[in-house]
Amino acid sequence: MKILIVRLFPYEIDIKNYNVQEIGLAKALIRKGHQCDIVFYTKGEERQEKIQVTKEKYITIFWIKGINFFKNGLYGNKIIKLSQNYDIVQSSEYDQIYNLKLNKKIKDKLIIYHGPYYSKFNKGYNLKC
């Protein structure tokens, strides 16, 4: 199965110095026999980066330029176009505005998941959900 993990939160992360849960999940899925790639936000130039998982398998990270709109990542149709190459799209953050667009355009392949972790941005989060 081809899986695309999308981190919608509109902040750039340093994947070399931060333990990114999406990368750990992608590695585990690849070891189970799936192809898995990731989308991360960038405010700079769009690019692709590869992370070796096994001798023959890797994760492609798509750094996609977005707009940070009140802590919501907005991406136009870029992620929707990319998602056409995947069987499943696992998106993060229940309350991200862009998930409404993903749900409308790719509902049959979309899974929205918010991890069980603390963040200063999710104060009152359960009440909103």
N, C-alpha and C. Protein backbone atom coordinates (compact mmCIF):
# COMPACT_ATOMS: atom_id res chain seq x y z
N MET A 1 0.84 -1.17 0.00
CA MET A 1 0.00 0.00 0.00
C MET A 1 0.89 1.24 0.00
N LYS A 2 0.47 2.26 -0.72
CA LYS A 2 1.21 3.54 -0.76
C LYS A 2 0.52 4.52 0.18
N ILE A 3 1.29 5.02 1.16
CA ILE A 3 0.74 5.89 2.20
C ILE A 3 1.48 7.22 2.18
N LEU A 4 0.72 8.29 2.25
CA LEU A 4 1.28 9.64 2.36
C LEU A 4 0.89 10.20 3.72
N ILE A 5 1.88 10.54 4.53
CA ILE A 5 1.65 11.16 5.83
C ILE A 5 1.82 12.66 5.65
N VAL A 6 0.83 13.44 6.09
CA VAL A 6 0.85 14.89 5.89
C VAL A 6 0.83 15.58 7.25
N ARG A 7 1.86 16.34 7.53
CA ARG A 7 1.92 17.15 8.74
C ARG A 7 1.50 18.56 8.34
N LEU A 8 0.27 18.93 8.69
CA LEU A 8 -0.28 20.21 8.24
C LEU A 8 0.19 21.40 9.07
N PHE A 9 0.64 21.15 10.28
CA PHE A 9 0.99 22.26 11.16
C PHE A 9 2.03 23.15 10.48
N PRO A 10 1.79 24.45 10.38
CA PRO A 10 2.60 25.33 9.52
C PRO A 10 3.86 25.90 10.17
N TYR A 11 4.70 25.01 10.63
CA TYR A 11 5.99 25.42 11.18
C TYR A 11 7.05 24.47 10.65
N GLU A 12 8.17 25.04 10.23
CA GLU A 12 9.26 24.22 9.72
C GLU A 12 9.92 23.50 10.89
N ILE A 13 10.28 22.25 10.65
CA ILE A 13 10.95 21.47 11.67
C ILE A 13 12.32 21.05 11.17
N ASP A 14 13.22 20.85 12.11
CA ASP A 14 14.58 20.41 11.80
C ASP A 14 14.62 18.89 12.00
N ILE A 15 14.51 18.15 10.91
CA ILE A 15 14.41 16.70 11.03
C ILE A 15 15.72 16.05 11.47
N LYS A 16 16.80 16.78 11.45
CA LYS A 16 18.08 16.22 11.88
C LYS A 16 18.26 16.35 13.40
N ASN A 17 17.55 17.27 14.03
CA ASN A 17 17.72 17.52 15.46
C ASN A 17 16.44 17.39 16.26
N TYR A 18 15.38 16.88 15.66
CA TYR A 18 14.10 16.74 16.34
C TYR A 18 13.55 15.36 16.03
N ASN A 19 13.09 14.65 17.03
CA ASN A 19 12.54 13.31 16.85
C ASN A 19 11.12 13.44 16.29
N VAL A 20 10.99 13.37 14.99
CA VAL A 20 9.73 13.63 14.30
C VAL A 20 8.90 12.35 14.24
N GLN A 21 7.69 12.40 14.84
CA GLN A 21 6.86 11.20 14.90
C GLN A 21 6.45 10.69 13.52
N GLU A 22 6.28 11.56 12.55
CA GLU A 22 5.91 11.13 11.20
C GLU A 22 7.00 10.27 10.57
N ILE A 23 8.25 10.60 10.83
CA ILE A 23 9.35 9.81 10.28
C ILE A 23 9.39 8.44 10.94
N GLY A 24 9.21 8.37 12.25
CA GLY A 24 9.18 7.09 12.94
C GLY A 24 8.04 6.21 12.44
N LEU A 25 6.86 6.79 12.26
CA LEU A 25 5.72 6.03 11.74
C LEU A 25 5.99 5.54 10.33
N ALA A 26 6.54 6.41 9.49
CA ALA A 26 6.84 6.02 8.10
C ALA A 26 7.85 4.88 8.06
N LYS A 27 8.88 4.93 8.90
CA LYS A 27 9.86 3.84 8.94
C LYS A 27 9.20 2.52 9.34
N ALA A 28 8.33 2.57 10.33
CA ALA A 28 7.65 1.36 10.79
C ALA A 28 6.75 0.79 9.69
N LEU A 29 6.04 1.64 8.98
CA LEU A 29 5.16 1.19 7.90
C LEU A 29 5.97 0.59 6.74
N ILE A 30 7.11 1.19 6.45
CA ILE A 30 7.98 0.66 5.39
C ILE A 30 8.50 -0.72 5.77
N ARG A 31 8.87 -0.88 7.03
CA ARG A 31 9.36 -2.20 7.48
C ARG A 31 8.27 -3.26 7.44
N LYS A 32 7.01 -2.83 7.44
CA LYS A 32 5.88 -3.76 7.32
C LYS A 32 5.49 -4.00 5.86
N GLY A 33 6.26 -3.41 4.92
CA GLY A 33 6.05 -3.70 3.51
C GLY A 33 5.31 -2.63 2.71
N HIS A 34 5.02 -1.50 3.32
CA HIS A 34 4.31 -0.43 2.61
C HIS A 34 5.30 0.60 2.08
N GLN A 35 4.87 1.36 1.10
CA GLN A 35 5.63 2.54 0.68
C GLN A 35 5.04 3.71 1.45
N CYS A 36 5.88 4.55 2.01
CA CYS A 36 5.38 5.64 2.83
C CYS A 36 6.24 6.89 2.62
N ASP A 37 5.58 8.00 2.33
CA ASP A 37 6.25 9.28 2.15
C ASP A 37 5.59 10.31 3.05
N ILE A 38 6.21 11.48 3.17
CA ILE A 38 5.76 12.50 4.12
C ILE A 38 5.72 13.87 3.46
N VAL A 39 4.75 14.69 3.87
CA VAL A 39 4.69 16.09 3.48
C VAL A 39 4.95 16.93 4.73
N PHE A 40 5.91 17.86 4.62
CA PHE A 40 6.17 18.84 5.67
C PHE A 40 6.01 20.25 5.09
N TYR A 41 5.67 21.17 5.93
CA TYR A 41 5.51 22.58 5.60
C TYR A 41 6.87 23.25 5.43
N THR A 42 6.94 24.15 4.47
CA THR A 42 8.08 25.04 4.37
C THR A 42 7.58 26.42 3.95
N LYS A 43 8.26 27.43 4.44
CA LYS A 43 7.96 28.78 3.95
C LYS A 43 9.00 29.19 2.92
N GLY A 44 9.95 28.32 2.70
CA GLY A 44 11.01 28.58 1.71
C GLY A 44 10.75 27.85 0.41
N GLU A 45 11.84 27.43 -0.22
CA GLU A 45 11.75 26.73 -1.51
C GLU A 45 11.23 25.31 -1.31
N GLU A 46 10.35 24.89 -2.22
CA GLU A 46 9.88 23.51 -2.19
C GLU A 46 11.02 22.60 -2.64
N ARG A 47 11.06 21.43 -2.02
CA ARG A 47 12.13 20.49 -2.35
C ARG A 47 11.70 19.09 -1.94
N GLN A 48 12.49 18.12 -2.34
CA GLN A 48 12.30 16.73 -1.92
C GLN A 48 13.58 16.26 -1.26
N GLU A 49 13.42 15.41 -0.26
CA GLU A 49 14.56 14.88 0.47
C GLU A 49 14.29 13.38 0.69
N LYS A 50 15.32 12.58 0.62
CA LYS A 50 15.15 11.14 0.83
C LYS A 50 15.85 10.72 2.11
N ILE A 51 15.18 9.81 2.85
CA ILE A 51 15.75 9.23 4.06
C ILE A 51 15.82 7.72 3.84
N GLN A 52 17.02 7.18 3.92
CA GLN A 52 17.22 5.74 3.74
C GLN A 52 16.65 4.99 4.94
N VAL A 53 15.85 3.95 4.68
CA VAL A 53 15.28 3.13 5.75
C VAL A 53 15.92 1.75 5.75
N THR A 54 15.99 1.13 4.58
CA THR A 54 16.70 -0.14 4.40
C THR A 54 17.62 0.04 3.19
N LYS A 55 18.30 -1.02 2.82
CA LYS A 55 19.21 -0.91 1.68
C LYS A 55 18.49 -0.46 0.42
N GLU A 56 17.24 -0.95 0.23
CA GLU A 56 16.50 -0.64 -0.99
C GLU A 56 15.33 0.31 -0.81
N LYS A 57 14.96 0.63 0.44
CA LYS A 57 13.75 1.41 0.66
C LYS A 57 14.07 2.74 1.36
N TYR A 58 13.28 3.73 1.03
CA TYR A 58 13.50 5.06 1.57
C TYR A 58 12.17 5.79 1.70
N ILE A 59 12.22 6.88 2.45
CA ILE A 59 11.09 7.80 2.59
C ILE A 59 11.41 9.02 1.75
N THR A 60 10.45 9.47 0.96
CA THR A 60 10.60 10.75 0.29
C THR A 60 9.84 11.78 1.12
N ILE A 61 10.54 12.83 1.48
CA ILE A 61 9.90 13.95 2.19
C ILE A 61 9.68 15.05 1.18
N PHE A 62 8.43 15.48 1.07
CA PHE A 62 8.06 16.59 0.20
C PHE A 62 7.90 17.82 1.08
N TRP A 63 8.80 18.77 0.92
CA TRP A 63 8.69 20.05 1.62
C TRP A 63 7.84 20.95 0.72
N ILE A 64 6.61 21.22 1.13
CA ILE A 64 5.67 21.98 0.31
C ILE A 64 5.42 23.35 0.93
N LYS A 65 5.53 24.33 0.08
CA LYS A 65 5.33 25.71 0.53
C LYS A 65 3.86 25.94 0.86
N GLY A 66 3.65 26.52 2.03
CA GLY A 66 2.30 26.82 2.46
C GLY A 66 2.23 28.19 3.09
N ILE A 67 1.05 28.53 3.50
CA ILE A 67 0.80 29.81 4.18
C ILE A 67 0.42 29.49 5.61
N ASN A 68 1.01 30.20 6.57
CA ASN A 68 0.64 30.06 7.97
C ASN A 68 -0.46 31.08 8.26
N PHE A 69 -1.68 30.57 8.39
CA PHE A 69 -2.83 31.43 8.64
C PHE A 69 -3.37 31.10 10.03
N PHE A 70 -2.96 31.88 11.03
CA PHE A 70 -3.38 31.66 12.41
C PHE A 70 -3.17 30.21 12.84
N LYS A 71 -1.94 29.72 12.66
CA LYS A 71 -1.52 28.36 13.03
C LYS A 71 -2.18 27.28 12.19
N ASN A 72 -2.69 27.64 11.02
CA ASN A 72 -3.27 26.70 10.07
C ASN A 72 -2.43 26.72 8.80
N GLY A 73 -2.02 25.54 8.35
CA GLY A 73 -1.27 25.44 7.10
C GLY A 73 -2.22 25.37 5.92
N LEU A 74 -2.04 26.27 4.97
CA LEU A 74 -2.86 26.30 3.76
C LEU A 74 -1.94 26.04 2.57
N TYR A 75 -2.34 25.12 1.68
CA TYR A 75 -1.45 24.63 0.63
C TYR A 75 -2.03 24.66 -0.78
N GLY A 76 -3.12 25.31 -0.99
CA GLY A 76 -3.73 25.29 -2.32
C GLY A 76 -4.10 23.87 -2.69
N ASN A 77 -3.82 23.47 -3.93
CA ASN A 77 -4.14 22.10 -4.38
C ASN A 77 -2.93 21.18 -4.42
N LYS A 78 -1.79 21.64 -3.91
CA LYS A 78 -0.55 20.87 -4.03
C LYS A 78 -0.63 19.49 -3.39
N ILE A 79 -1.15 19.41 -2.18
CA ILE A 79 -1.23 18.13 -1.49
C ILE A 79 -2.28 17.24 -2.14
N ILE A 80 -3.37 17.84 -2.61
CA ILE A 80 -4.41 17.06 -3.28
C ILE A 80 -3.86 16.42 -4.55
N LYS A 81 -3.10 17.17 -5.33
CA LYS A 81 -2.49 16.61 -6.54
C LYS A 81 -1.52 15.49 -6.19
N LEU A 82 -0.70 15.70 -5.18
CA LEU A 82 0.27 14.70 -4.76
C LEU A 82 -0.44 13.44 -4.27
N SER A 83 -1.56 13.61 -3.59
CA SER A 83 -2.28 12.47 -3.00
C SER A 83 -2.83 11.50 -4.05
N GLN A 84 -2.93 11.93 -5.29
CA GLN A 84 -3.43 11.05 -6.34
C GLN A 84 -2.52 9.84 -6.56
N ASN A 85 -1.28 9.94 -6.10
CA ASN A 85 -0.31 8.85 -6.25
C ASN A 85 -0.31 7.87 -5.08
N TYR A 86 -1.24 8.04 -4.13
CA TYR A 86 -1.24 7.24 -2.91
C TYR A 86 -2.61 6.60 -2.66
N ASP A 87 -2.58 5.46 -1.95
CA ASP A 87 -3.81 4.77 -1.58
C ASP A 87 -4.45 5.39 -0.34
N ILE A 88 -3.63 5.81 0.61
CA ILE A 88 -4.09 6.38 1.88
C ILE A 88 -3.32 7.67 2.14
N VAL A 89 -4.04 8.67 2.65
CA VAL A 89 -3.42 9.92 3.10
C VAL A 89 -3.76 10.07 4.58
N GLN A 90 -2.73 10.07 5.42
CA GLN A 90 -2.93 10.25 6.86
C GLN A 90 -2.52 11.67 7.20
N SER A 91 -3.50 12.47 7.55
CA SER A 91 -3.28 13.88 7.84
C SER A 91 -3.34 14.10 9.35
N SER A 92 -2.64 15.13 9.81
CA SER A 92 -2.61 15.42 11.24
C SER A 92 -3.49 16.61 11.59
N GLU A 93 -3.77 16.70 12.86
CA GLU A 93 -4.46 17.86 13.43
C GLU A 93 -5.92 17.97 12.99
N TYR A 94 -6.82 17.48 13.82
CA TYR A 94 -8.26 17.52 13.52
C TYR A 94 -8.76 18.91 13.17
N ASP A 95 -8.22 19.92 13.83
CA ASP A 95 -8.78 21.26 13.66
C ASP A 95 -8.06 22.13 12.64
N GLN A 96 -7.21 21.55 11.81
CA GLN A 96 -6.58 22.33 10.74
C GLN A 96 -7.58 22.58 9.62
N ILE A 97 -7.69 23.81 9.19
CA ILE A 97 -8.65 24.21 8.16
C ILE A 97 -8.46 23.39 6.88
N TYR A 98 -7.21 23.11 6.51
CA TYR A 98 -6.94 22.40 5.26
C TYR A 98 -7.53 21.00 5.26
N ASN A 99 -7.73 20.40 6.45
CA ASN A 99 -8.36 19.09 6.50
C ASN A 99 -9.78 19.12 5.96
N LEU A 100 -10.46 20.25 6.05
CA LEU A 100 -11.80 20.37 5.46
C LEU A 100 -11.72 20.20 3.94
N LYS A 101 -10.71 20.82 3.34
CA LYS A 101 -10.52 20.70 1.89
C LYS A 101 -10.14 19.27 1.51
N LEU A 102 -9.21 18.68 2.28
CA LEU A 102 -8.82 17.30 2.00
C LEU A 102 -10.02 16.36 2.12
N ASN A 103 -10.83 16.57 3.14
CA ASN A 103 -12.00 15.72 3.34
C ASN A 103 -12.98 15.85 2.18
N LYS A 104 -13.10 17.02 1.63
CA LYS A 104 -14.01 17.23 0.49
C LYS A 104 -13.45 16.59 -0.78
N LYS A 105 -12.14 16.70 -1.02
CA LYS A 105 -11.54 16.27 -2.28
C LYS A 105 -11.10 14.80 -2.30
N ILE A 106 -10.64 14.27 -1.17
CA ILE A 106 -10.10 12.90 -1.16
C ILE A 106 -10.67 12.08 0.00
N LYS A 107 -11.91 12.28 0.29
CA LYS A 107 -12.56 11.68 1.46
C LYS A 107 -12.34 10.16 1.56
N ASP A 108 -12.41 9.45 0.47
CA ASP A 108 -12.31 7.99 0.50
C ASP A 108 -10.93 7.48 0.90
N LYS A 109 -9.90 8.30 0.79
CA LYS A 109 -8.57 7.83 1.15
C LYS A 109 -7.97 8.58 2.34
N LEU A 110 -8.74 9.47 2.97
CA LEU A 110 -8.21 10.33 4.04
C LEU A 110 -8.46 9.75 5.43
N ILE A 111 -7.41 9.76 6.23
CA ILE A 111 -7.48 9.44 7.66
C ILE A 111 -6.90 10.64 8.39
N ILE A 112 -7.65 11.22 9.32
CA ILE A 112 -7.16 12.37 10.09
C ILE A 112 -6.84 11.88 11.50
N TYR A 113 -5.62 12.16 11.94
CA TYR A 113 -5.18 11.69 13.25
C TYR A 113 -4.41 12.80 13.96
N HIS A 114 -4.72 12.97 15.23
CA HIS A 114 -4.00 13.91 16.08
C HIS A 114 -3.37 13.11 17.21
N GLY A 115 -2.08 13.16 17.33
CA GLY A 115 -1.37 12.37 18.33
C GLY A 115 -1.72 12.75 19.77
N PRO A 116 -1.49 11.84 20.69
CA PRO A 116 -1.84 12.04 22.10
C PRO A 116 -0.73 12.74 22.89
N TYR A 117 -0.25 13.83 22.39
CA TYR A 117 0.87 14.51 23.01
C TYR A 117 0.46 15.91 23.47
N TYR A 118 1.22 16.46 24.40
CA TYR A 118 0.97 17.81 24.88
C TYR A 118 1.63 18.82 23.95
N SER A 119 0.95 19.90 23.72
CA SER A 119 1.50 21.01 22.95
C SER A 119 0.90 22.29 23.50
N LYS A 120 1.70 23.36 23.54
CA LYS A 120 1.16 24.63 24.03
C LYS A 120 0.04 25.14 23.12
N PHE A 121 -0.07 24.60 21.90
CA PHE A 121 -1.09 25.04 20.97
C PHE A 121 -2.42 24.29 21.16
N ASN A 122 -2.44 23.22 21.95
CA ASN A 122 -3.68 22.46 22.06
C ASN A 122 -4.40 22.65 23.38
N LYS A 123 -4.17 23.77 24.02
CA LYS A 123 -4.91 24.08 25.25
C LYS A 123 -6.41 24.14 24.93
N GLY A 124 -7.20 23.37 25.63
CA GLY A 124 -8.63 23.32 25.37
C GLY A 124 -8.98 22.52 24.12
N TYR A 125 -8.00 21.78 23.61
CA TYR A 125 -8.17 21.08 22.34
C TYR A 125 -9.33 20.09 22.38
N ASN A 126 -9.41 19.30 23.45
CA ASN A 126 -10.49 18.31 23.55
C ASN A 126 -11.85 18.96 23.53
N LEU A 127 -11.98 20.13 24.11
CA LEU A 127 -13.26 20.83 24.09
C LEU A 127 -13.64 21.23 22.68
N LYS A 128 -12.65 21.67 21.89
CA LYS A 128 -12.94 22.06 20.51
C LYS A 128 -13.38 20.87 19.68
N CYS A 129 -12.73 19.72 19.90
CA CYS A 129 -13.08 18.53 19.12
C CYS A 129 -14.46 18.04 19.48
